[in-house]
PDB file of N, CA and C in Angstrom:
ATOM      1  N   MET A   1      -8.981  34.894 -30.266  1.00  0.00           N
ATOM      2  CA  MET A   1      -9.703  33.896 -29.730  1.00  0.00           C
ATOM      3  C   MET A   1     -10.219  34.592 -28.135  1.00  0.00           C
ATOM      4  N   SER A   2     -11.494  34.242 -27.668  1.00  0.00           N
ATOM      5  CA  SER A   2     -11.726  34.457 -26.424  1.00  0.00           C
ATOM      6  C   SER A   2     -11.038  34.070 -25.221  1.00  0.00           C
ATOM      7  N   ALA A   3     -10.797  34.689 -24.190  1.00  0.00           N
ATOM      8  CA  ALA A   3     -10.295  34.019 -22.848  1.00  0.00           C
ATOM      9  C   ALA A   3     -10.858  32.470 -22.641  1.00  0.00           C
ATOM     10  N   LEU A   4     -12.162  32.840 -22.618  1.00  0.00           N
ATOM     11  CA  LEU A   4     -12.721  31.112 -22.411  1.00  0.00           C
ATOM     12  C   LEU A   4     -12.352  30.100 -23.225  1.00  0.00           C
ATOM     13  N   LEU A   5     -12.132  30.389 -24.633  1.00  0.00           N
ATOM     14  CA  LEU A   5     -11.803  29.614 -25.512  1.00  0.00           C
ATOM     15  C   LEU A   5     -10.260  29.110 -25.418  1.00  0.00           C
ATOM     16  N   ASP A   6      -9.641  30.001 -24.820  1.00  0.00           N
ATOM     17  CA  ASP A   6      -8.162  29.912 -24.820  1.00  0.00           C
ATOM     18  C   ASP A   6      -7.951  28.791 -23.386  1.00  0.00           C
ATOM     19  N   ARG A   7      -8.609  29.067 -22.597  1.00  0.00           N
ATOM     20  CA  ARG A   7      -8.546  28.483 -21.106  1.00  0.00           C
ATOM     21  C   ARG A   7      -8.783  27.109 -21.686  1.00  0.00           C
ATOM     22  N   PHE A   8     -10.199  26.870 -22.059  1.00  0.00           N
ATOM     23  CA  PHE A   8     -10.603  25.549 -22.626  1.00  0.00           C
ATOM     24  C   PHE A   8      -9.637  24.652 -23.109  1.00  0.00           C
ATOM     25  N   LEU A   9      -9.078  25.113 -24.329  1.00  0.00           N
ATOM     26  CA  LEU A   9      -7.894  24.782 -25.163  1.00  0.00           C
ATOM     27  C   LEU A   9      -6.699  24.291 -24.433  1.00  0.00           C
ATOM     28  N   ARG A  10      -6.323  25.195 -23.194  1.00  0.00           N
ATOM     29  CA  ARG A  10      -5.220  24.722 -22.766  1.00  0.00           C
ATOM     30  C   ARG A  10      -5.491  23.557 -21.876  1.00  0.00           C
ATOM     31  N   TYR A  11      -6.750  23.561 -21.264  1.00  0.00           N
ATOM     32  CA  TYR A  11      -7.294  22.319 -20.293  1.00  0.00           C
ATOM     33  C   TYR A  11      -7.116  20.970 -21.080  1.00  0.00           C
ATOM     34  N   VAL A  12      -7.899  20.753 -22.349  1.00  0.00           N
ATOM     35  CA  VAL A  12      -7.895  19.832 -22.924  1.00  0.00           C
ATOM     36  C   VAL A  12      -6.621  19.132 -23.751  1.00  0.00           C
ATOM     37  N   LYS A  13      -5.509  19.994 -23.524  1.00  0.00           N
ATOM     38  CA  LYS A  13      -4.248  19.725 -24.251  1.00  0.00           C
ATOM     39  C   LYS A  13      -3.481  18.548 -22.950  1.00  0.00           C
ATOM     40  N   ILE A  14      -4.010  18.815 -21.727  1.00  0.00           N
ATOM     41  CA  ILE A  14      -3.288  18.254 -20.616  1.00  0.00           C
ATOM     42  C   ILE A  14      -3.897  16.604 -20.467  1.00  0.00           C
ATOM     43  N   ASN A  15      -3.117  15.864 -20.557  1.00  0.00           N
ATOM     44  CA  ASN A  15      -3.507  14.091 -20.833  1.00  0.00           C
ATOM     45  C   ASN A  15      -3.596  13.684 -19.293  1.00  0.00           C
ATOM     46  N   THR A  16      -4.546  14.018 -18.898  1.00  0.00           N
ATOM     47  CA  THR A  16      -5.284  13.232 -17.415  1.00  0.00           C
ATOM     48  C   THR A  16      -5.798  12.110 -17.364  1.00  0.00           C
ATOM     49  N   ARG A  17      -5.325  11.265 -18.306  1.00  0.00           N
ATOM     50  CA  ARG A  17      -6.193  10.070 -18.547  1.00  0.00           C
ATOM     51  C   ARG A  17      -5.564   9.140 -17.180  1.00  0.00           C
ATOM     52  N   SER A  18      -6.361   8.182 -16.862  1.00  0.00           N
ATOM     53  CA  SER A  18      -5.963   7.470 -15.469  1.00  0.00           C
ATOM     54  C   SER A  18      -5.029   6.662 -15.747  1.00  0.00           C
ATOM     55  N   ASP A  19      -4.107   6.241 -14.771  1.00  0.00           N
ATOM     56  CA  ASP A  19      -3.253   4.971 -15.129  1.00  0.00           C
ATOM     57  C   ASP A  19      -3.890   3.699 -14.781  1.00  0.00           C
ATOM     58  N   GLU A  20      -4.076   2.858 -15.436  1.00  0.00           N
ATOM     59  CA  GLU A  20      -5.003   1.704 -15.184  1.00  0.00           C
ATOM     60  C   GLU A  20      -4.384   0.751 -14.076  1.00  0.00           C
ATOM     61  N   GLU A  21      -2.766   0.777 -14.253  1.00  0.00           N
ATOM     62  CA  GLU A  21      -2.052   0.239 -13.123  1.00  0.00           C
ATOM     63  C   GLU A  21      -2.466   0.466 -11.711  1.00  0.00           C
ATOM     64  N   VAL A  22      -2.630   1.957 -11.314  1.00  0.00           N
ATOM     65  CA  VAL A  22      -2.678   2.403  -9.934  1.00  0.00           C
ATOM     66  C   VAL A  22      -4.245   1.837  -9.664  1.00  0.00           C
ATOM     67  N   THR A  23      -4.227   1.219  -8.262  1.00  0.00           N
ATOM     68  CA  THR A  23      -5.478   1.110  -8.059  1.00  0.00           C
ATOM     69  C   THR A  23      -5.693   1.635  -6.439  1.00  0.00           C
ATOM     70  N   ASP A  24      -4.545   2.075  -5.872  1.00  0.00           N
ATOM     71  CA  ASP A  24      -4.368   2.320  -4.344  1.00  0.00           C
ATOM     72  C   ASP A  24      -4.558   3.647  -4.192  1.00  0.00           C
ATOM     73  N   ARG A  25      -4.663   4.724  -5.105  1.00  0.00           N
ATOM     74  CA  ARG A  25      -4.833   5.927  -4.954  1.00  0.00           C
ATOM     75  C   ARG A  25      -5.737   6.779  -5.835  1.00  0.00           C
ATOM     76  N   THR A  26      -6.011   7.851  -5.490  1.00  0.00           N
ATOM     77  CA  THR A  26      -6.760   8.918  -6.378  1.00  0.00           C
ATOM     78  C   THR A  26      -6.512  10.654  -5.879  1.00  0.00           C
ATOM     79  N   PRO A  27      -5.949  11.081  -7.432  1.00  0.00           N
ATOM     80  CA  PRO A  27      -5.922  10.368  -8.410  1.00  0.00           C
ATOM     81  C   PRO A  27      -4.729   9.881  -8.821  1.00  0.00           C
ATOM     82  N   THR A  28      -4.798   8.830  -9.859  1.00  0.00           N
ATOM     83  CA  THR A  28      -3.725   7.882 -10.256  1.00  0.00           C
ATOM     84  C   THR A  28      -2.490   8.564 -10.787  1.00  0.00           C
ATOM     85  N   THR A  29      -2.428   9.641 -11.473  1.00  0.00           N
ATOM     86  CA  THR A  29      -1.408  10.289 -11.705  1.00  0.00           C
ATOM     87  C   THR A  29      -0.940  11.775 -11.448  1.00  0.00           C
ATOM     88  N   GLU A  30       0.201  12.005 -11.504  1.00  0.00           N
ATOM     89  CA  GLU A  30       0.688  13.345 -10.861  1.00  0.00           C
ATOM     90  C   GLU A  30       0.136  14.451 -12.007  1.00  0.00           C
ATOM     91  N   ILE A  31      -0.173  14.263 -13.290  1.00  0.00           N
ATOM     92  CA  ILE A  31      -0.476  15.233 -14.024  1.00  0.00           C
ATOM     93  C   ILE A  31      -1.894  15.468 -13.606  1.00  0.00           C
ATOM     94  N   GLN A  32      -3.153  14.690 -13.229  1.00  0.00           N
ATOM     95  CA  GLN A  32      -4.179  14.833 -12.844  1.00  0.00           C
ATOM     96  C   GLN A  32      -4.023  16.048 -11.666  1.00  0.00           C
ATOM     97  N   TRP A  33      -3.423  15.820 -10.786  1.00  0.00           N
ATOM     98  CA  TRP A  33      -2.897  16.583  -9.795  1.00  0.00           C
ATOM     99  C   TRP A  33      -2.462  18.294 -10.170  1.00  0.00           C
ATOM    100  N   ASP A  34      -1.698  17.920 -11.265  1.00  0.00           N
ATOM    101  CA  ASP A  34      -1.056  19.427 -11.878  1.00  0.00           C
ATOM    102  C   ASP A  34      -2.338  20.038 -12.397  1.00  0.00           C
ATOM    103  N   LEU A  35      -3.342  19.353 -13.126  1.00  0.00           N
ATOM    104  CA  LEU A  35      -4.754  19.982 -13.828  1.00  0.00           C
ATOM    105  C   LEU A  35      -5.205  20.523 -12.227  1.00  0.00           C
ATOM    106  N   ALA A  36      -5.506  20.152 -11.554  1.00  0.00           N
ATOM    107  CA  ALA A  36      -6.262  20.559 -10.225  1.00  0.00           C
ATOM    108  C   ALA A  36      -5.794  21.471  -9.586  1.00  0.00           C
ATOM    109  N   ARG A  37      -4.164  21.532  -9.661  1.00  0.00           N
ATOM    110  CA  ARG A  37      -3.737  22.720  -8.873  1.00  0.00           C
ATOM    111  C   ARG A  37      -3.674  24.156  -9.957  1.00  0.00           C
ATOM    112  N   LEU A  38      -3.661  23.812 -10.943  1.00  0.00           N
ATOM    113  CA  LEU A  38      -3.881  24.933 -12.257  1.00  0.00           C
ATOM    114  C   LEU A  38      -5.171  25.408 -12.052  1.00  0.00           C
ATOM    115  N   LEU A  39      -6.275  24.555 -11.992  1.00  0.00           N
ATOM    116  CA  LEU A  39      -7.903  25.058 -11.860  1.00  0.00           C
ATOM    117  C   LEU A  39      -7.910  25.980 -10.375  1.00  0.00           C
ATOM    118  N   GLU A  40      -7.102  25.295  -9.164  1.00  0.00           N
ATOM    119  CA  GLU A  40      -7.544  25.740  -8.228  1.00  0.00           C
ATOM    120  C   GLU A  40      -6.995  27.073  -8.116  1.00  0.00           C
ATOM    121  N   GLN A  41      -5.536  27.491  -8.647  1.00  0.00           N
ATOM    122  CA  GLN A  41      -5.136  29.028  -8.957  1.00  0.00           C
ATOM    123  C   GLN A  41      -6.047  29.668  -9.838  1.00  0.00           C
ATOM    124  N   GLU A  42      -6.501  29.265 -10.849  1.00  0.00           N
ATOM    125  CA  GLU A  42      -7.419  29.969 -11.694  1.00  0.00           C
ATOM    126  C   GLU A  42      -8.883  30.126 -11.086  1.00  0.00           C
ATOM    127  N   LEU A  43      -9.560  29.600 -10.275  1.00  0.00           N
ATOM    128  CA  LEU A  43     -10.606  30.062  -9.602  1.00  0.00           C
ATOM    129  C   LEU A  43     -10.358  31.365  -8.112  1.00  0.00           C
ATOM    130  N   LYS A  44      -8.967  31.101  -7.859  1.00  0.00           N
ATOM    131  CA  LYS A  44      -8.734  31.886  -6.919  1.00  0.00           C
ATOM    132  C   LYS A  44      -8.667  33.473  -7.594  1.00  0.00           C
ATOM    133  N   ASP A  45      -7.794  33.304  -8.824  1.00  0.00           N
ATOM    134  CA  ASP A  45      -7.533  34.302  -9.615  1.00  0.00           C
ATOM    135  C   ASP A  45      -8.757  35.173  -9.895  1.00  0.00           C
ATOM    136  N   LEU A  46      -9.879  34.151 -10.441  1.00  0.00           N
ATOM    137  CA  LEU A  46     -11.487  34.728 -10.703  1.00  0.00           C
ATOM    138  C   LEU A  46     -12.147  35.319  -9.764  1.00  0.00           C
ATOM    139  N   GLY A  47     -11.615  35.164  -8.374  1.00  0.00           N
ATOM    140  CA  GLY A  47     -12.313  36.049  -7.409  1.00  0.00           C
ATOM    141  C   GLY A  47     -13.089  34.557  -6.408  1.00  0.00           C
ATOM    142  N   MET A  48     -12.975  33.711  -6.738  1.00  0.00           N
ATOM    143  CA  MET A  48     -13.983  32.764  -6.192  1.00  0.00           C
ATOM    144  C   MET A  48     -13.639  32.381  -4.674  1.00  0.00           C
ATOM    145  N   GLN A  49     -14.646  32.210  -3.799  1.00  0.00           N
ATOM    146  CA  GLN A  49     -14.552  32.171  -2.435  1.00  0.00           C
ATOM    147  C   GLN A  49     -14.548  30.362  -1.974  1.00  0.00           C
ATOM    148  N   ASN A  50     -13.776  30.389  -0.613  1.00  0.00           N
ATOM    149  CA  ASN A  50     -13.491  28.870  -0.122  1.00  0.00           C
ATOM    150  C   ASN A  50     -13.063  28.065  -1.015  1.00  0.00           C
ATOM    151  N   VAL A  51     -11.960  28.453  -1.831  1.00  0.00           N
ATOM    152  CA  VAL A  51     -11.398  27.404  -2.702  1.00  0.00           C
ATOM    153  C   VAL A  51     -10.594  26.663  -1.960  1.00  0.00           C
ATOM    154  N   HIS A  52     -11.001  25.254  -2.334  1.00  0.00           N
ATOM    155  CA  HIS A  52     -10.259  23.933  -1.558  1.00  0.00           C
ATOM    156  C   HIS A  52      -9.970  22.726  -2.359  1.00  0.00           C
ATOM    157  N   LEU A  53      -8.620  22.755  -2.242  1.00  0.00           N
ATOM    158  CA  LEU A  53      -8.364  20.976  -3.264  1.00  0.00           C
ATOM    159  C   LEU A  53      -8.128  20.367  -2.150  1.00  0.00           C
ATOM    160  N   ASN A  54      -8.741  18.785  -1.905  1.00  0.00           N
ATOM    161  CA  ASN A  54      -8.770  17.989  -0.763  1.00  0.00           C
ATOM    162  C   ASN A  54      -7.472  16.872  -1.164  1.00  0.00           C
ATOM    163  N   GLU A  55      -7.361  16.158  -0.201  1.00  0.00           N
ATOM    164  CA  GLU A  55      -6.249  14.859  -0.374  1.00  0.00           C
ATOM    165  C   GLU A  55      -6.589  14.016  -1.437  1.00  0.00           C
ATOM    166  N   LYS A  56      -7.807  13.885  -2.202  1.00  0.00           N
ATOM    167  CA  LYS A  56      -8.105  13.146  -3.054  1.00  0.00           C
ATOM    168  C   LYS A  56      -8.630  13.857  -4.097  1.00  0.00           C
ATOM    169  N   CYS A  57      -7.883  14.966  -4.166  1.00  0.00           N
ATOM    170  CA  CYS A  57      -7.964  15.715  -5.547  1.00  0.00           C
ATOM    171  C   CYS A  57      -9.309  16.271  -6.012  1.00  0.00           C
ATOM    172  N   PHE A  58     -10.089  16.592  -5.013  1.00  0.00           N
ATOM    173  CA  PHE A  58     -11.592  17.062  -5.063  1.00  0.00           C
ATOM    174  C   PHE A  58     -11.534  18.498  -4.985  1.00  0.00           C
ATOM    175  N   LEU A  59     -11.888  19.163  -6.075  1.00  0.00           N
ATOM    176  CA  LEU A  59     -11.600  20.831  -6.134  1.00  0.00           C
ATOM    177  C   LEU A  59     -12.905  21.388  -5.939  1.00  0.00           C
ATOM    178  N   THR A  60     -13.274  22.458  -4.949  1.00  0.00           N
ATOM    179  CA  THR A  60     -14.621  22.915  -4.679  1.00  0.00           C
ATOM    180  C   THR A  60     -14.172  24.285  -4.407  1.00  0.00           C
ATOM    181  N   ALA A  61     -15.127  25.195  -4.845  1.00  0.00           N
ATOM    182  CA  ALA A  61     -14.923  26.779  -4.478  1.00  0.00           C
ATOM    183  C   ALA A  61     -16.627  27.131  -4.437  1.00  0.00           C
ATOM    184  N   ALA A  62     -16.615  28.458  -4.066  1.00  0.00           N
ATOM    185  CA  ALA A  62     -17.971  29.124  -3.886  1.00  0.00           C
ATOM    186  C   ALA A  62     -17.985  30.385  -4.769  1.00  0.00           C
ATOM    187  N   LEU A  63     -19.045  30.471  -5.387  1.00  0.00           N
ATOM    188  CA  LEU A  63     -19.193  31.902  -6.311  1.00  0.00           C
ATOM    189  C   LEU A  63     -19.785  32.728  -5.577  1.00  0.00           C
ATOM    190  N   PRO A  64     -19.461  33.954  -5.228  1.00  0.00           N
ATOM    191  CA  PRO A  64     -19.756  35.065  -4.466  1.00  0.00           C
ATOM    192  C   PRO A  64     -21.125  35.732  -4.944  1.00  0.00           C
ATOM    193  N   SER A  65     -22.434  36.134  -4.222  1.00  0.00           N
ATOM    194  CA  SER A  65     -23.177  36.435  -4.786  1.00  0.00           C
ATOM    195  C   SER A  65     -22.725  37.938  -5.353  1.00  0.00           C
ATOM    196  N   ASN A  66     -23.642  38.133  -6.598  1.00  0.00           N
ATOM    197  CA  ASN A  66     -23.726  39.444  -7.013  1.00  0.00           C
ATOM    198  C   ASN A  66     -25.158  40.288  -6.726  1.00  0.00           C
ATOM    199  N   SER A  67     -25.785  39.972  -5.883  1.00  0.00           N
ATOM    200  CA  SER A  67     -26.873  40.645  -5.382  1.00  0.00           C
ATOM    201  C   SER A  67     -26.691  40.869  -3.952  1.00  0.00           C
ATOM    202  N   SER A  68     -27.302  42.022  -3.246  1.00  0.00           N
ATOM    203  CA  SER A  68     -27.132  42.294  -2.329  1.00  0.00           C
ATOM    204  C   SER A  68     -28.719  41.867  -1.614  1.00  0.00           C
ATOM    205  N   LYS A  69     -29.537  41.206  -2.253  1.00  0.00           N
ATOM    206  CA  LYS A  69     -30.799  40.854  -1.765  1.00  0.00           C
ATOM    207  C   LYS A  69     -30.299  39.560  -1.024  1.00  0.00           C
ATOM    208  N   ASP A  70     -31.567  39.264   0.458  1.00  0.00           N
ATOM    209  CA  ASP A  70     -31.185  38.300   0.836  1.00  0.00           C
ATOM    210  C   ASP A  70     -32.419  37.093   0.505  1.00  0.00           C
ATOM    211  N   ILE A  71     -31.499  36.199  -0.722  1.00  0.00           N
ATOM    212  CA  ILE A  71     -32.474  35.463  -1.013  1.00  0.00           C
ATOM    213  C   ILE A  71     -31.980  33.763  -0.446  1.00  0.00           C
ATOM    214  N   TRP A  72     -33.149  33.176  -0.343  1.00  0.00           N
ATOM    215  CA  TRP A  72     -33.313  31.690   0.269  1.00  0.00           C
ATOM    216  C   TRP A  72     -33.536  30.822  -0.763  1.00  0.00           C
ATOM    217  N   CYS A  73     -32.737  29.967  -1.211  1.00  0.00           N
ATOM    218  CA  CYS A  73     -33.223  28.975  -2.111  1.00  0.00           C
ATOM    219  C   CYS A  73     -33.304  27.657  -1.457  1.00  0.00           C
ATOM    220  N   GLY A  74     -33.719  27.595  -0.392  1.00  0.00           N
ATOM    221  CA  GLY A  74     -33.731  26.251   0.419  1.00  0.00           C
ATOM    222  C   GLY A  74     -34.903  25.711   0.471  1.00  0.00           C
TER     223      GLY A  74
END
């Protein structure tokens, strides 16, 4: 199997369903945090930049450019 498929299958096996009883925090389960931390480490291992997991479990990262050209997309 390809590395991408292996990774995907590992992710979908993690039960990240929300806890309907919890309304005062995001995310609602510790397992959701576990997945976020797993993804955070994998992004770092892949060479992503500015990888950040915040207190609400939002994960962001920047993909470094593979071009030396100065391109503006704004």
